[in-house]
Structures are given as structure tokens and as C-alpha cells.
């Protein structure tokens, strides 16, 4: 009988440790982004993707439909070569870009600042 509460306590402890690790990791990333200088890079808009970010299950959407919250992501390919950069942008910024556009990407750490087309 004592094995079940002990197992439950161990599972809860693992969940708490994992959640606190993720929280600290997010705080560290935000601090690094705030401290980073604004960088500029000549890029090409390689890919765009928008996807709904609802946390409801299909049955919950049928009972009480809600407006889907969309997540907008854009991949930028440096013109001088290198790895593609994936940035999350707002709907307005997303719709103002087209695949194949060239311009200057402004970013701060991993945070999107702006895109100035040529």
C-alpha cells in the first residue's frame, strides 16, 4: 500500500523538476535576447507557414467553437550562404512578405525585429 503514494510522489517530483528547468531555460533565453545587439543580414524569404495553435480537442471545438489563434513562421535563407533562420512573426508582418522576397532581416538574438525588402 505504501508503494502507490511513493510512486505518485516520485512522478510529481519529476514533473516539478522538468517544469522548473523549462521555466529557467525560457528566462535565460529571454535575458540573452534582451542583451543581444540588433543584427542585420541580407536574406531571401525561403518559406512561410501559418498554423492554428488551439489547445482544444475536436469535441471541445464542436461544442463551443472559438476563433483559431494562428502562429506565423517565416524561414529566411542568407544570401551569402549559411543556415536558414526560422522566425515567428505577427500576422501583419507575415502577410507583407512573399516567398522569394530579398531584403535585410533585423533580429535580436532569436527574436525577429523587422524585414526591410529591397
N, C-alpha and C. Protein backbone atom coordinates (compact mmCIF):
# COMPACT_ATOMS: atom_id res chain seq x y z
N UNK A 1 0.80 -1.18 0.00
CA UNK A 1 0.00 0.00 0.00
C UNK A 1 0.86 1.27 0.00
N UNK A 2 2.04 1.19 0.52
CA UNK A 2 2.89 2.37 0.56
C UNK A 2 3.59 2.62 -0.77
N UNK A 3 3.57 1.64 -1.68
CA UNK A 3 4.23 1.82 -2.97
C UNK A 3 3.49 2.82 -3.85
N UNK A 4 2.17 2.83 -3.82
CA UNK A 4 1.41 3.74 -4.67
C UNK A 4 1.65 5.20 -4.30
N UNK A 5 1.53 5.62 -3.05
CA UNK A 5 1.82 7.02 -2.73
C UNK A 5 3.28 7.40 -3.01
N UNK A 6 4.19 6.49 -2.79
CA UNK A 6 5.60 6.78 -3.08
C UNK A 6 5.81 6.98 -4.57
N UNK A 7 5.18 6.15 -5.39
CA UNK A 7 5.27 6.29 -6.85
C UNK A 7 4.66 7.61 -7.29
N UNK A 8 3.51 7.96 -6.74
CA UNK A 8 2.84 9.21 -7.07
C UNK A 8 3.71 10.42 -6.71
N UNK A 9 4.32 10.38 -5.56
CA UNK A 9 5.20 11.48 -5.13
C UNK A 9 6.41 11.59 -6.06
N UNK A 10 6.96 10.46 -6.48
CA UNK A 10 8.11 10.48 -7.40
C UNK A 10 7.72 11.09 -8.74
N UNK A 11 6.55 10.74 -9.27
CA UNK A 11 6.09 11.28 -10.55
C UNK A 11 5.87 12.78 -10.43
N UNK A 12 5.26 13.23 -9.38
CA UNK A 12 5.02 14.66 -9.17
C UNK A 12 6.35 15.40 -9.05
N UNK A 13 7.31 14.83 -8.39
CA UNK A 13 8.63 15.46 -8.26
C UNK A 13 9.32 15.60 -9.61
N UNK A 14 9.23 14.57 -10.43
CA UNK A 14 9.84 14.63 -11.77
C UNK A 14 9.17 15.71 -12.61
N UNK A 15 7.86 15.82 -12.53
CA UNK A 15 7.14 16.85 -13.28
C UNK A 15 7.54 18.24 -12.81
N UNK A 16 7.66 18.43 -11.52
CA UNK A 16 8.05 19.73 -10.98
C UNK A 16 9.47 20.10 -11.41
N UNK A 17 10.38 19.15 -11.37
CA UNK A 17 11.77 19.42 -11.78
C UNK A 17 11.81 19.77 -13.27
N UNK A 18 11.09 19.04 -14.10
CA UNK A 18 11.09 19.31 -15.55
C UNK A 18 10.48 20.68 -15.84
N UNK A 19 9.40 21.02 -15.17
CA UNK A 19 8.75 22.32 -15.38
C UNK A 19 9.65 23.47 -14.93
N UNK A 20 10.31 23.31 -13.81
CA UNK A 20 11.19 24.38 -13.34
C UNK A 20 12.40 24.54 -14.24
N UNK A 21 12.92 23.44 -14.78
CA UNK A 21 14.04 23.51 -15.72
C UNK A 21 13.63 24.28 -16.97
N UNK A 22 12.44 23.98 -17.50
CA UNK A 22 11.96 24.67 -18.71
C UNK A 22 11.73 26.15 -18.42
N UNK A 23 11.20 26.48 -17.26
CA UNK A 23 10.97 27.88 -16.88
C UNK A 23 12.29 28.64 -16.82
N UNK A 24 13.29 28.07 -16.21
CA UNK A 24 14.60 28.72 -16.11
C UNK A 24 15.22 28.87 -17.50
N UNK A 25 15.06 27.86 -18.35
CA UNK A 25 15.59 27.91 -19.71
C UNK A 25 14.94 29.05 -20.51
N UNK A 26 13.62 29.23 -20.39
CA UNK A 26 12.94 30.32 -21.08
C UNK A 26 13.38 31.68 -20.56
N UNK A 27 13.54 31.81 -19.25
CA UNK A 27 14.01 33.07 -18.68
C UNK A 27 15.41 33.42 -19.18
N UNK A 28 16.28 32.41 -19.25
CA UNK A 28 17.65 32.62 -19.73
C UNK A 28 17.64 33.06 -21.20
N UNK A 29 16.80 32.43 -22.03
CA UNK A 29 16.72 32.79 -23.45
C UNK A 29 16.20 34.23 -23.61
N UNK A 30 15.21 34.61 -22.84
CA UNK A 30 14.70 35.98 -22.90
C UNK A 30 15.76 36.99 -22.47
N UNK A 31 16.53 36.66 -21.45
CA UNK A 31 17.60 37.56 -21.00
C UNK A 31 18.68 37.70 -22.08
N UNK A 32 19.03 36.58 -22.74
CA UNK A 32 20.02 36.64 -23.82
C UNK A 32 19.50 37.47 -24.98
N UNK A 33 18.23 37.33 -25.33
CA UNK A 33 17.66 38.13 -26.42
C UNK A 33 17.66 39.61 -26.07
N UNK A 34 17.34 39.95 -24.82
CA UNK A 34 17.34 41.35 -24.42
C UNK A 34 18.74 41.95 -24.45
N UNK A 35 19.75 41.17 -24.12
CA UNK A 35 21.12 41.67 -24.05
C UNK A 35 21.81 41.67 -25.42
N UNK A 36 21.29 40.94 -26.38
CA UNK A 36 21.94 40.82 -27.70
C UNK A 36 21.78 42.11 -28.50
N UNK A 37 22.78 42.44 -29.32
CA UNK A 37 22.65 43.62 -30.19
C UNK A 37 21.75 43.29 -31.38
N UNK A 38 21.18 44.32 -32.00
CA UNK A 38 20.36 44.12 -33.19
C UNK A 38 21.29 43.80 -34.35
N UNK A 39 21.06 42.64 -34.98
CA UNK A 39 21.88 42.19 -36.10
C UNK A 39 21.11 42.39 -37.40
N UNK A 40 21.84 42.62 -38.49
CA UNK A 40 21.23 42.74 -39.82
C UNK A 40 21.91 41.75 -40.73
N UNK A 41 21.12 41.13 -41.60
CA UNK A 41 21.66 40.15 -42.54
C UNK A 41 20.84 40.22 -43.82
N UNK A 42 21.53 40.15 -44.95
CA UNK A 42 20.88 40.13 -46.25
C UNK A 42 20.34 38.72 -46.50
N UNK A 43 19.01 38.62 -46.68
CA UNK A 43 18.37 37.31 -46.75
C UNK A 43 17.36 37.24 -47.88
N UNK A 44 16.90 36.01 -48.09
CA UNK A 44 15.84 35.70 -49.04
C UNK A 44 14.75 34.98 -48.24
N UNK A 45 13.48 35.35 -48.45
CA UNK A 45 12.38 34.66 -47.78
C UNK A 45 12.23 33.29 -48.44
N UNK A 46 12.57 32.23 -47.71
CA UNK A 46 12.58 30.88 -48.27
C UNK A 46 11.22 30.19 -48.17
N UNK A 47 10.60 30.23 -47.00
CA UNK A 47 9.35 29.51 -46.76
C UNK A 47 8.52 30.28 -45.75
N UNK A 48 7.20 30.17 -45.90
CA UNK A 48 6.27 30.75 -44.94
C UNK A 48 5.31 29.66 -44.50
N UNK A 49 4.88 29.72 -43.23
CA UNK A 49 3.92 28.75 -42.74
C UNK A 49 3.04 29.38 -41.68
N UNK A 50 1.75 29.14 -41.79
CA UNK A 50 0.82 29.56 -40.74
C UNK A 50 0.08 28.32 -40.27
N UNK A 51 -0.09 28.22 -38.97
CA UNK A 51 -0.76 27.05 -38.41
C UNK A 51 -1.58 27.46 -37.20
N UNK A 52 -2.73 26.81 -37.00
CA UNK A 52 -3.54 27.14 -35.83
C UNK A 52 -2.89 26.62 -34.56
N UNK A 53 -3.06 27.34 -33.49
CA UNK A 53 -2.46 26.94 -32.22
C UNK A 53 -3.52 26.78 -31.15
N UNK A 54 -4.58 26.08 -31.48
CA UNK A 54 -5.62 25.85 -30.48
C UNK A 54 -5.19 24.71 -29.58
N UNK A 55 -5.57 24.82 -28.32
CA UNK A 55 -5.25 23.76 -27.37
C UNK A 55 -6.50 22.95 -27.04
N UNK A 56 -7.54 23.13 -27.84
CA UNK A 56 -8.77 22.39 -27.60
C UNK A 56 -8.81 21.14 -28.45
N UNK A 57 -9.50 20.16 -27.97
CA UNK A 57 -9.70 18.93 -28.72
C UNK A 57 -10.87 19.11 -29.67
N UNK A 58 -11.03 18.21 -30.63
CA UNK A 58 -12.06 18.38 -31.64
C UNK A 58 -13.46 18.44 -31.03
N UNK A 59 -13.74 17.66 -30.02
CA UNK A 59 -15.06 17.68 -29.38
C UNK A 59 -15.31 19.03 -28.72
N UNK A 60 -14.31 19.60 -28.09
CA UNK A 60 -14.47 20.90 -27.45
C UNK A 60 -14.73 21.99 -28.48
N UNK A 61 -14.13 21.89 -29.67
CA UNK A 61 -14.37 22.88 -30.72
C UNK A 61 -15.78 22.77 -31.27
N UNK A 62 -16.34 21.55 -31.29
CA UNK A 62 -17.70 21.38 -31.79
C UNK A 62 -18.72 21.97 -30.83
N UNK A 63 -18.49 21.83 -29.55
CA UNK A 63 -19.43 22.32 -28.55
C UNK A 63 -19.38 23.84 -28.46
N UNK A 64 -18.21 24.40 -28.33
CA UNK A 64 -18.05 25.85 -28.24
C UNK A 64 -16.98 26.28 -29.23
N UNK A 65 -17.36 26.57 -30.48
CA UNK A 65 -16.34 26.98 -31.45
C UNK A 65 -15.72 28.32 -31.07
N UNK A 66 -14.43 28.40 -31.23
CA UNK A 66 -13.72 29.64 -30.93
C UNK A 66 -12.91 30.04 -32.14
N UNK A 67 -12.52 31.28 -32.15
CA UNK A 67 -11.66 31.77 -33.22
C UNK A 67 -10.28 31.15 -33.06
N UNK A 68 -9.78 30.55 -34.14
CA UNK A 68 -8.46 29.94 -34.07
C UNK A 68 -7.39 31.01 -33.97
N UNK A 69 -6.46 30.79 -33.07
CA UNK A 69 -5.29 31.65 -32.95
C UNK A 69 -4.23 31.07 -33.87
N UNK A 70 -3.69 31.89 -34.74
CA UNK A 70 -2.72 31.40 -35.72
C UNK A 70 -1.30 31.74 -35.29
N UNK A 71 -0.38 30.85 -35.64
CA UNK A 71 1.04 31.06 -35.42
C UNK A 71 1.67 31.24 -36.80
N UNK A 72 2.42 32.31 -36.97
CA UNK A 72 3.05 32.64 -38.25
C UNK A 72 4.55 32.47 -38.13
N UNK A 73 5.13 31.66 -39.03
CA UNK A 73 6.57 31.42 -39.04
C UNK A 73 7.11 31.65 -40.45
N UNK A 74 8.29 32.25 -40.51
CA UNK A 74 8.95 32.52 -41.79
C UNK A 74 10.39 32.03 -41.69
N UNK A 75 10.84 31.33 -42.75
CA UNK A 75 12.22 30.87 -42.83
C UNK A 75 12.96 31.81 -43.78
N UNK A 76 14.11 32.30 -43.33
CA UNK A 76 14.96 33.20 -44.11
C UNK A 76 16.25 32.48 -44.47
N UNK A 77 16.65 32.56 -45.74
CA UNK A 77 17.90 31.96 -46.20
C UNK A 77 18.91 33.08 -46.47
N UNK A 78 20.05 33.07 -45.77
CA UNK A 78 21.07 34.11 -46.01
C UNK A 78 21.56 34.07 -47.45
N UNK A 79 21.72 35.24 -48.07
CA UNK A 79 22.18 35.31 -49.46
C UNK A 79 23.66 34.96 -49.58
N UNK A 80 24.40 35.13 -48.49
CA UNK A 80 25.82 34.81 -48.52
C UNK A 80 26.09 33.36 -48.14
N UNK A 81 25.04 32.57 -47.94
CA UNK A 81 25.21 31.17 -47.55
C UNK A 81 25.08 31.02 -46.05
N UNK A 82 24.82 29.83 -45.64
CA UNK A 82 24.66 29.56 -44.22
C UNK A 82 23.34 28.87 -43.94
N UNK A 83 23.05 28.70 -42.68
CA UNK A 83 21.83 28.01 -42.27
C UNK A 83 20.62 28.93 -42.34
N UNK A 84 19.46 28.35 -42.61
CA UNK A 84 18.23 29.12 -42.62
C UNK A 84 17.85 29.52 -41.20
N UNK A 85 17.25 30.69 -41.08
CA UNK A 85 16.79 31.20 -39.79
C UNK A 85 15.27 31.13 -39.75
N UNK A 86 14.72 30.53 -38.71
CA UNK A 86 13.27 30.47 -38.55
C UNK A 86 12.87 31.51 -37.52
N UNK A 87 11.93 32.38 -37.91
CA UNK A 87 11.47 33.44 -37.02
C UNK A 87 9.96 33.39 -36.92
N UNK A 88 9.44 33.63 -35.73
CA UNK A 88 8.00 33.76 -35.53
C UNK A 88 7.65 35.24 -35.67
N UNK A 89 6.64 35.54 -36.50
CA UNK A 89 6.28 36.92 -36.80
C UNK A 89 4.79 37.14 -36.53
N UNK A 90 4.36 38.41 -36.58
CA UNK A 90 2.94 38.74 -36.40
C UNK A 90 2.22 38.54 -37.73
N UNK A 91 0.89 38.56 -37.69
CA UNK A 91 0.09 38.36 -38.90
C UNK A 91 0.36 39.46 -39.92
N UNK A 92 0.47 40.70 -39.47
CA UNK A 92 0.73 41.82 -40.37
C UNK A 92 2.08 41.65 -41.08
N UNK A 93 3.11 41.29 -40.33
CA UNK A 93 4.44 41.09 -40.91
C UNK A 93 4.42 39.91 -41.87
N UNK A 94 3.71 38.84 -41.50
CA UNK A 94 3.63 37.63 -42.32
C UNK A 94 3.01 37.93 -43.68
N UNK A 95 1.91 38.67 -43.68
CA UNK A 95 1.21 38.94 -44.92
C UNK A 95 1.91 39.98 -45.79
N UNK A 96 2.83 40.74 -45.22
CA UNK A 96 3.56 41.73 -46.01
C UNK A 96 4.74 41.11 -46.77
N UNK A 97 5.09 39.86 -46.45
CA UNK A 97 6.21 39.17 -47.11
C UNK A 97 5.69 38.13 -48.10
N UNK A 98 6.50 37.88 -49.12
CA UNK A 98 6.20 36.81 -50.08
C UNK A 98 7.43 35.93 -50.21
N UNK A 99 7.20 34.66 -50.52
CA UNK A 99 8.32 33.75 -50.74
C UNK A 99 9.11 34.26 -51.94
N UNK A 100 10.42 34.36 -51.78
CA UNK A 100 11.30 34.86 -52.84
C UNK A 100 11.71 36.31 -52.64
N UNK A 101 11.09 37.03 -51.72
CA UNK A 101 11.48 38.42 -51.45
C UNK A 101 12.90 38.46 -50.91
N UNK A 102 13.65 39.47 -51.35
CA UNK A 102 15.00 39.69 -50.84
C UNK A 102 14.98 40.97 -50.02
N UNK A 103 15.84 41.03 -49.01
CA UNK A 103 15.91 42.21 -48.19
C UNK A 103 16.83 42.03 -47.00
N UNK A 104 16.71 42.95 -46.05
CA UNK A 104 17.53 42.92 -44.85
C UNK A 104 16.68 42.44 -43.68
N UNK A 105 17.14 41.38 -43.04
CA UNK A 105 16.50 40.85 -41.85
C UNK A 105 17.16 41.48 -40.63
N UNK A 106 16.35 42.00 -39.74
CA UNK A 106 16.85 42.54 -38.48
C UNK A 106 16.36 41.64 -37.37
N UNK A 107 17.28 41.17 -36.54
CA UNK A 107 16.91 40.28 -35.44
C UNK A 107 17.80 40.56 -34.24
N UNK A 108 17.28 40.16 -33.08
CA UNK A 108 17.98 40.39 -31.82
C UNK A 108 18.01 39.06 -31.09
N UNK A 109 19.14 38.37 -31.15
CA UNK A 109 19.23 37.02 -30.59
C UNK A 109 18.42 36.07 -31.45
N UNK A 110 17.36 35.52 -30.90
CA UNK A 110 16.45 34.67 -31.67
C UNK A 110 15.12 35.37 -31.91
N UNK A 111 15.04 36.64 -31.61
CA UNK A 111 13.80 37.41 -31.72
C UNK A 111 13.78 38.23 -33.00
N UNK A 112 12.69 38.15 -33.76
CA UNK A 112 12.50 38.90 -35.00
C UNK A 112 12.27 40.36 -34.66
N UNK A 113 12.99 41.27 -35.37
CA UNK A 113 12.80 42.70 -35.19
C UNK A 113 12.09 43.30 -36.40
N UNK A 114 12.59 42.98 -37.61
CA UNK A 114 11.97 43.53 -38.80
C UNK A 114 12.57 42.97 -40.07
N UNK A 115 11.88 43.22 -41.19
CA UNK A 115 12.35 42.83 -42.51
C UNK A 115 12.13 44.00 -43.44
N UNK A 116 13.23 44.47 -44.05
CA UNK A 116 13.17 45.60 -44.97
C UNK A 116 13.43 45.06 -46.37
N UNK A 117 12.37 45.00 -47.24
CA UNK A 117 12.56 44.47 -48.59
C UNK A 117 13.40 45.39 -49.43
N UNK A 118 14.07 44.79 -50.43
CA UNK A 118 14.90 45.60 -51.34
C UNK A 118 14.03 46.30 -52.36
